[in-house]
Amino acid sequence: MAEHSILVVEDEHTLRRLLEYRLGKLYNVRTAANGEEALVRIKEEVPDLIVSDIMMPRMDGFALQEALQDELDTRIIPFIFLTAKADEQSRLKGLRTGVDDYITKPFDIEQLLTRIARLLERTRLFQTQLDAKIGQDFSQKLMPKTMPEVDGYRIHFHNSPLEHGGGDLFDWTEAKPGIFFFTIGDVMGKGVRAKFYAFSFLAYVRSLLHGLLSESVSPAELMHRINELLMRDDVLVDTFASLLILRWEPATHSITYVNAGHCRPALVHTRGAQLVAHSDMILGLDARTEFIDTTLTLEPDMALMAYTDGLMEQLMPDGKMLGESGILEVAHQAHHQNDPIDALLTHTLALSQSTEFEDDILIFWLERLA
């Protein structure tokens, strides 16, 4: 199936059928005999590009292009005029009204195909740059600018989204003096759509946390309420997310957590590293899901490392992913380094088949000092 769709607007039957046949070898082509018919076709499905005659009955090409300029959904459609009028006045009028190209009849079909390909490529590049900019804006807003500072502990955080990226999110708050909550999650999907849902989802999580922490400091209870909200909200009804909520109390060196389908954190110490055990069902699947609090104690010289799946899914030379076993290896190697996350990332890339990461990378490292 062709990737792009083109609408041909031409009142001359023979030329319309010829364009439909020749362009149809490369694109999904629909046709209309005049501007009025074209508007009906556009309401049915917005094309990626329009090739239109100027002189047509009922509604000419200028009137069609002006009507499209009045609507936000259609004003950016690339537009090529075909006309038998070679005068400069018509050409300049088309350019003033936002027409992207102007071809005078009779024309060479290969020339038209070249112009179409060029305009579609320009549109693709523009959309790519726009997606990247939006994705970067969302990524910056999904990440905190600072980390807690607590005597006897060190905290490291790293986030490196790809240009388009996915739906990684991270946030923290000091619910009460000396009680910190961290949320680490991943909204399913890639690109700007996932970024948008992650941004919306994080807004819900923040609101719920701030609203409920006066009633409960149980991560499981908070996760239950988040899941209920996700299941009944019309905006996020088809959104699935993994989420890890950690409650850290430095005074007792304890971490209480609940894990809704997220990557299992690693406990890292001098003897090695192991994954913490428990994980419940991912969010957004079942409103009746029960979530369980699990508490662990950070011993001196022990770290908890949480991460998103971009790290675990990095490909190795044999085509397999780094996986949980690889996570434990690189985490243990990073222990006692001045910057454990930088050491971990360097080691991972040294092991992998690529010199760059292939997905968003987010890592949180909370270490109790010796």
Protein backbone atom coordinates (compact mmCIF):
# COMPACT_ATOMS: atom_id res chain seq x y z
CA MET A 1 0.00 0.00 0.00
CA ALA A 2 1.31 3.44 -0.97
CA GLU A 3 2.52 5.64 1.86
CA HIS A 4 1.11 8.98 0.65
CA SER A 5 -2.29 10.08 -0.67
CA ILE A 6 -2.83 12.63 -3.45
CA LEU A 7 -6.00 14.40 -4.58
CA VAL A 8 -6.13 15.32 -8.29
CA VAL A 9 -8.59 18.10 -9.11
CA GLU A 10 -9.07 18.45 -12.88
CA ASP A 11 -12.23 19.07 -14.95
CA GLU A 12 -10.83 17.56 -18.17
CA HIS A 13 -11.80 13.88 -18.01
CA THR A 14 -8.93 12.47 -20.12
CA LEU A 15 -6.21 14.34 -18.22
CA ARG A 16 -7.81 13.46 -14.89
CA ARG A 17 -7.76 9.75 -15.74
CA LEU A 18 -4.18 9.98 -17.05
CA LEU A 19 -2.97 11.61 -13.83
CA GLU A 20 -4.88 9.07 -11.75
CA TYR A 21 -3.20 6.23 -13.67
CA ARG A 22 0.36 7.58 -13.65
CA LEU A 23 0.39 8.93 -10.09
CA GLY A 24 -1.46 5.84 -8.88
CA LYS A 25 1.64 3.73 -9.51
CA LEU A 26 3.34 5.50 -6.59
CA TYR A 27 0.58 7.04 -4.47
CA ASN A 28 -2.99 6.55 -3.29
CA VAL A 29 -4.84 8.78 -5.73
CA ARG A 30 -8.39 10.16 -5.54
CA THR A 31 -9.91 12.58 -8.05
CA ALA A 32 -12.41 15.39 -8.27
CA ALA A 33 -13.77 17.30 -11.31
CA ASN A 34 -13.89 20.71 -9.61
CA GLY A 35 -13.29 22.55 -6.34
CA GLU A 36 -16.67 21.67 -4.84
CA GLU A 37 -16.10 17.95 -5.38
CA ALA A 38 -12.59 18.34 -4.00
CA LEU A 39 -13.89 19.80 -0.73
CA VAL A 40 -16.17 16.77 -0.33
CA ARG A 41 -13.23 14.40 -0.92
CA ILE A 42 -11.08 16.35 1.56
CA LYS A 43 -13.76 16.11 4.25
CA GLU A 44 -13.79 12.34 3.73
CA GLU A 45 -10.00 12.10 4.04
CA VAL A 46 -7.36 14.83 4.14
CA PRO A 47 -4.75 14.13 1.42
CA ASP A 48 -1.01 14.54 1.80
CA LEU A 49 -0.85 16.69 -1.35
CA ILE A 50 -3.22 18.30 -3.88
CA VAL A 51 -2.63 18.67 -7.64
CA SER A 52 -5.25 21.06 -9.03
CA ASP A 53 -6.20 22.80 -12.25
CA ILE A 54 -6.99 26.52 -11.99
CA MET A 55 -9.74 27.04 -14.60
CA MET A 56 -12.66 24.78 -13.59
CA PRO A 57 -16.45 25.17 -13.50
CA ARG A 58 -18.44 25.71 -10.25
CA MET A 59 -15.32 26.34 -8.12
CA ASP A 60 -11.93 27.11 -9.64
CA GLY A 61 -8.51 26.31 -8.22
CA PHE A 62 -8.03 29.69 -6.57
CA ALA A 63 -11.36 29.42 -4.73
CA LEU A 64 -10.50 25.87 -3.64
CA GLN A 65 -7.11 26.91 -2.34
CA GLU A 66 -8.64 29.89 -0.52
CA ALA A 67 -11.24 27.63 1.13
CA LEU A 68 -8.47 25.31 2.32
CA GLN A 69 -6.53 28.25 3.76
CA ASP A 70 -9.52 29.11 5.96
CA GLU A 71 -9.33 25.79 7.84
CA LEU A 72 -6.58 24.84 10.29
CA ASP A 73 -6.69 21.17 9.27
CA THR A 74 -6.13 21.87 5.57
CA ARG A 75 -4.11 25.05 5.23
CA ILE A 76 -0.75 23.24 5.36
CA ILE A 77 -1.56 20.68 2.61
CA PRO A 78 1.09 21.05 -0.15
CA PHE A 79 -0.61 22.44 -3.28
CA ILE A 80 0.48 22.27 -6.94
CA PHE A 81 -1.37 24.27 -9.62
CA LEU A 82 -1.72 22.95 -13.17
CA THR A 83 -2.86 25.52 -15.69
CA ALA A 84 -2.87 26.36 -19.38
CA LYS A 85 -2.42 30.01 -18.45
CA ALA A 86 1.27 30.85 -18.64
CA ASP A 87 0.91 34.50 -17.71
CA GLU A 88 2.96 35.85 -14.82
CA GLN A 89 -0.09 37.38 -13.10
CA SER A 90 -1.74 34.00 -12.46
CA ARG A 91 1.51 32.50 -11.26
CA LEU A 92 2.12 35.34 -8.81
CA LYS A 93 -1.46 35.15 -7.52
CA GLY A 94 -0.96 31.45 -6.81
CA LEU A 95 2.29 32.08 -4.97
CA ARG A 96 0.73 34.88 -2.90
CA THR A 97 -2.08 32.60 -1.73
CA GLY A 98 0.30 29.92 -0.51
CA VAL A 99 0.57 27.60 -3.51
CA ASP A 100 3.75 25.51 -3.28
CA ASP A 101 4.36 24.94 -6.99
CA TYR A 102 3.03 25.99 -10.38
CA ILE A 103 3.27 23.86 -13.56
CA THR A 104 2.07 25.08 -16.96
CA LYS A 105 0.28 22.76 -19.39
CA PRO A 106 1.37 20.92 -21.41
CA PHE A 107 3.81 19.44 -18.92
CA ASP A 108 6.07 16.44 -18.65
CA ILE A 109 4.65 13.83 -16.23
CA GLU A 110 8.14 13.03 -14.94
CA GLN A 111 8.57 16.69 -14.04
CA LEU A 112 5.32 16.56 -12.08
CA LEU A 113 6.41 13.39 -10.28
CA THR A 114 9.70 15.04 -9.33
CA ARG A 115 7.90 18.11 -7.96
CA ILE A 116 5.50 15.92 -5.95
CA ALA A 117 8.33 13.86 -4.46
CA ARG A 118 10.21 17.02 -3.52
CA LEU A 119 7.20 18.59 -1.79
CA LEU A 120 6.36 15.40 0.11
CA GLU A 121 9.95 15.10 1.28
CA ARG A 122 9.94 18.72 2.41
CA THR A 123 6.74 18.08 4.35
CA ARG A 124 8.23 14.96 5.92
CA LEU A 125 11.34 16.85 7.04
CA PHE A 126 9.24 19.65 8.50
CA GLN A 127 7.08 17.16 10.41
CA THR A 128 10.17 15.34 11.67
CA GLN A 129 11.67 18.58 12.97
CA LEU A 130 8.36 19.61 14.54
CA ASP A 131 7.95 16.20 16.22
CA ALA A 132 11.49 16.41 17.56
CA LYS A 133 10.92 19.89 18.97
CA ILE A 134 7.62 18.89 20.61
CA GLY A 135 9.18 15.69 21.93
CA GLN A 136 12.09 17.58 23.45
CA ASP A 137 9.74 20.12 25.04
CA PHE A 138 7.67 17.34 26.59
CA SER A 139 10.80 15.51 27.76
CA GLN A 140 12.09 18.59 29.56
CA LYS A 141 8.76 19.08 31.32
CA LEU A 142 8.54 15.41 32.33
CA MET A 143 11.79 15.56 34.29
CA PRO A 144 12.69 17.39 37.53
CA LYS A 145 15.47 19.96 37.57
CA THR A 146 16.84 19.02 41.03
CA MET A 147 17.16 16.00 43.36
CA PRO A 148 16.80 15.71 47.15
CA GLU A 149 19.97 16.24 49.21
CA VAL A 150 20.15 14.08 52.35
CA ASP A 151 23.17 13.47 54.60
CA GLY A 152 24.51 9.95 54.32
CA TYR A 153 23.10 9.42 50.83
CA ARG A 154 23.90 10.27 47.27
CA ILE A 155 21.40 10.42 44.42
CA HIS A 156 22.20 10.30 40.73
CA PHE A 157 19.71 10.75 37.91
CA HIS A 158 20.09 10.48 34.13
CA ASN A 159 17.62 11.00 31.32
CA SER A 160 18.53 11.00 27.62
CA PRO A 161 15.47 10.91 25.34
CA LEU A 162 15.82 10.10 21.68
CA GLU A 163 14.90 12.79 19.17
CA HIS A 164 11.33 11.48 18.96
CA GLY A 165 11.48 9.49 22.15
CA GLY A 166 8.79 7.69 24.04
CA GLY A 167 6.82 8.11 27.20
CA ASP A 168 9.36 7.89 30.04
CA LEU A 169 8.47 9.96 33.09
CA PHE A 170 10.02 10.71 36.47
CA ASP A 171 9.06 12.92 39.39
CA TRP A 172 9.65 13.28 43.11
CA THR A 173 8.11 15.14 46.02
CA GLU A 174 8.81 15.49 49.75
CA ALA A 175 5.39 14.50 51.09
CA LYS A 176 6.31 15.28 54.69
CA PRO A 177 9.61 16.34 56.26
CA GLY A 178 11.96 13.40 55.72
CA ILE A 179 9.51 11.32 53.62
CA PHE A 180 10.14 11.35 49.87
CA PHE A 181 8.09 9.86 47.05
CA PHE A 182 9.57 8.99 43.65
CA THR A 183 7.50 8.01 40.60
CA ILE A 184 9.14 6.35 37.60
CA GLY A 185 7.07 5.23 34.66
CA ASP A 186 6.71 4.47 31.00
CA VAL A 187 3.63 5.14 28.89
CA MET A 188 3.32 2.60 26.08
CA GLY A 189 4.16 3.90 22.63
CA LYS A 190 6.75 5.95 20.81
CA GLY A 191 7.05 9.44 19.46
CA VAL A 192 5.11 12.60 20.20
CA ARG A 193 1.84 10.76 20.91
CA ALA A 194 3.50 8.84 23.75
CA LYS A 195 5.10 12.06 25.00
CA PHE A 196 1.70 13.74 25.11
CA TYR A 197 0.11 10.87 27.02
CA ALA A 198 3.07 10.72 29.40
CA PHE A 199 2.75 14.44 30.06
CA SER A 200 -1.01 14.10 30.69
CA PHE A 201 -0.53 10.98 32.80
CA LEU A 202 2.17 12.59 34.94
CA ALA A 203 -0.14 15.54 35.59
CA TYR A 204 -2.73 13.08 36.93
CA VAL A 205 -0.14 11.30 39.05
CA ARG A 206 1.11 14.56 40.56
CA SER A 207 -2.40 15.75 41.34
CA LEU A 208 -3.35 12.47 42.99
CA LEU A 209 -0.16 12.28 45.00
CA HIS A 210 -0.53 15.79 46.35
CA GLY A 211 -4.22 15.24 47.04
CA LEU A 212 -3.97 11.83 48.69
CA LEU A 213 -0.74 12.04 50.66
CA SER A 214 -2.59 13.75 53.49
CA GLU A 215 -4.80 10.63 53.72
CA SER A 216 -2.34 7.81 53.01
CA VAL A 217 1.39 7.30 52.52
CA SER A 218 0.91 3.79 51.13
CA PRO A 219 2.32 3.52 47.58
CA ALA A 220 -0.10 0.62 46.94
CA GLU A 221 -3.12 2.74 47.85
CA LEU A 222 -1.89 5.54 45.62
CA MET A 223 -1.31 3.12 42.75
CA HIS A 224 -4.82 1.71 43.16
CA ARG A 225 -6.34 5.18 42.86
CA ILE A 226 -4.18 6.03 39.82
CA ASN A 227 -5.27 2.83 38.09
CA GLU A 228 -8.95 3.57 38.78
CA LEU A 229 -8.59 7.03 37.32
CA LEU A 230 -6.75 5.75 34.25
CA MET A 231 -9.49 3.18 33.56
CA ARG A 232 -12.38 5.65 33.61
CA ASP A 233 -10.80 8.75 32.05
CA ASP A 234 -11.93 9.31 28.45
CA VAL A 235 -8.68 11.03 27.39
CA LEU A 236 -6.43 8.21 28.65
CA VAL A 237 -8.88 5.32 28.18
CA ASP A 238 -6.59 3.46 25.73
CA THR A 239 -3.38 4.37 27.55
CA PHE A 240 -1.35 1.66 29.24
CA ALA A 241 1.47 2.58 31.57
CA SER A 242 3.98 0.91 33.82
CA LEU A 243 4.67 2.77 37.03
CA LEU A 244 6.96 2.39 40.02
CA ILE A 245 6.22 4.39 43.18
CA LEU A 246 8.90 4.52 45.90
CA ARG A 247 8.52 5.94 49.40
CA TRP A 248 11.94 6.64 50.87
CA GLU A 249 12.47 7.41 54.56
CA PRO A 250 16.16 8.20 55.12
CA ALA A 251 15.78 8.24 58.94
CA THR A 252 14.95 4.51 58.95
CA HIS A 253 16.86 3.74 55.71
CA SER A 254 13.71 2.10 54.37
CA ILE A 255 12.14 2.06 50.93
CA THR A 256 8.53 0.98 50.49
CA TYR A 257 7.53 0.47 46.89
CA VAL A 258 4.77 -0.76 44.60
CA ASN A 259 5.46 -1.81 41.04
CA ALA A 260 2.75 -1.85 38.36
CA GLY A 261 4.45 -3.78 35.57
CA HIS A 262 7.57 -1.62 35.51
CA CYS A 263 11.15 -2.87 35.13
CA ARG A 264 12.23 -4.42 38.42
CA PRO A 265 14.72 -2.22 40.31
CA ALA A 266 18.12 -3.60 41.29
CA LEU A 267 19.69 -3.64 44.75
CA VAL A 268 23.41 -3.09 44.28
CA HIS A 269 26.06 -3.83 46.90
CA THR A 270 29.67 -4.94 47.21
CA ARG A 271 28.85 -8.65 46.77
CA GLY A 272 26.84 -8.14 43.59
CA ALA A 273 23.36 -7.05 42.55
CA GLN A 274 19.92 -8.61 42.59
CA LEU A 275 16.48 -7.61 41.38
CA VAL A 276 13.78 -6.79 43.91
CA ALA A 277 11.10 -9.41 43.65
CA HIS A 278 7.60 -8.06 43.38
CA SER A 279 5.70 -6.62 40.40
CA ASP A 280 1.94 -6.24 39.92
CA MET A 281 -0.11 -5.84 36.73
CA ILE A 282 0.46 -2.93 34.39
CA LEU A 283 -1.86 0.08 34.75
CA GLY A 284 -4.87 0.56 32.50
CA LEU A 285 -5.83 -3.12 32.06
CA ASP A 286 -8.11 -3.95 34.99
CA ALA A 287 -9.68 -1.60 37.52
CA ARG A 288 -9.86 -4.46 40.05
CA THR A 289 -6.10 -5.04 40.15
CA GLU A 290 -4.74 -5.30 43.69
CA PHE A 291 -1.40 -3.66 44.47
CA ILE A 292 0.95 -4.65 47.30
CA ASP A 293 3.43 -2.59 49.32
CA THR A 294 6.89 -4.12 49.72
CA THR A 295 9.47 -2.69 52.15
CA LEU A 296 13.23 -3.15 52.04
CA THR A 297 16.11 -1.68 54.04
CA LEU A 298 19.12 -0.02 52.47
CA GLU A 299 22.20 -1.23 54.29
CA PRO A 300 25.38 0.88 54.36
CA ASP A 301 27.15 0.88 50.99
CA MET A 302 23.99 -0.32 49.19
CA ALA A 303 22.19 1.33 46.29
CA LEU A 304 18.78 0.99 44.68
CA MET A 305 18.78 1.48 40.91
CA ALA A 306 15.56 2.02 38.96
CA TYR A 307 15.40 2.40 35.17
CA THR A 308 13.11 2.25 32.15
CA ASP A 309 13.07 -0.43 29.45
CA GLY A 310 15.31 1.44 27.00
CA LEU A 311 18.34 0.28 29.00
CA MET A 312 17.19 -3.32 29.32
CA GLU A 313 16.32 -3.58 25.59
CA GLN A 314 19.69 -2.35 24.29
CA LEU A 315 20.87 -4.94 21.75
CA MET A 316 24.08 -6.92 22.24
CA PRO A 317 26.36 -8.23 19.42
CA ASP A 318 24.50 -11.57 19.38
CA GLY A 319 21.22 -9.78 18.67
CA LYS A 320 19.85 -10.41 22.15
CA MET A 321 18.87 -7.66 24.56
CA LEU A 322 20.92 -6.65 27.58
CA GLY A 323 18.11 -8.05 29.72
CA GLU A 324 17.83 -8.28 33.47
CA SER A 325 20.99 -10.32 33.85
CA GLY A 326 22.95 -7.69 31.93
CA ILE A 327 21.39 -4.96 34.06
CA LEU A 328 22.73 -6.66 37.18
CA GLU A 329 26.21 -7.00 35.67
CA VAL A 330 26.58 -3.36 34.60
CA ALA A 331 25.02 -2.11 37.85
CA HIS A 332 27.53 -4.07 39.94
CA GLN A 333 30.41 -2.81 37.79
CA ALA A 334 29.20 0.77 38.38
CA HIS A 335 29.11 0.41 42.16
CA HIS A 336 31.74 2.53 43.97
CA GLN A 337 32.36 4.66 40.87
CA ASN A 338 32.37 8.45 41.31
CA ASP A 339 29.51 8.70 38.83
CA PRO A 340 27.83 5.29 38.84
CA ILE A 341 25.35 6.10 36.07
CA ASP A 342 28.03 7.37 33.71
CA ALA A 343 30.08 4.23 34.41
CA LEU A 344 27.01 2.04 33.86
CA LEU A 345 26.17 3.67 30.52
CA THR A 346 29.77 3.46 29.33
CA HIS A 347 29.97 -0.21 30.23
CA THR A 348 26.64 -0.96 28.55
CA LEU A 349 27.71 0.63 25.27
CA ALA A 350 31.02 -1.24 25.43
CA LEU A 351 29.03 -4.47 25.59
CA SER A 352 26.42 -3.62 22.96
CA GLN A 353 26.41 -3.84 19.17
CA SER A 354 25.87 -0.10 18.79
CA THR A 355 27.89 2.89 19.92
CA GLU A 356 24.65 4.71 20.82
CA PHE A 357 21.50 3.87 22.73
CA GLU A 358 18.54 2.93 20.58
CA ASP A 359 15.78 4.15 22.90
CA ASP A 360 15.07 6.62 25.69
CA ILE A 361 17.34 6.00 28.70
CA LEU A 362 16.25 6.90 32.23
CA ILE A 363 18.14 5.78 35.35
CA PHE A 364 17.70 6.67 39.02
CA TRP A 365 20.41 5.70 41.53
CA LEU A 366 19.81 6.08 45.30
CA GLU A 367 22.79 5.00 47.41
CA ARG A 368 23.34 4.85 51.16
CA LEU A 369 26.97 5.71 51.83
CA ALA A 370 29.26 3.36 53.72
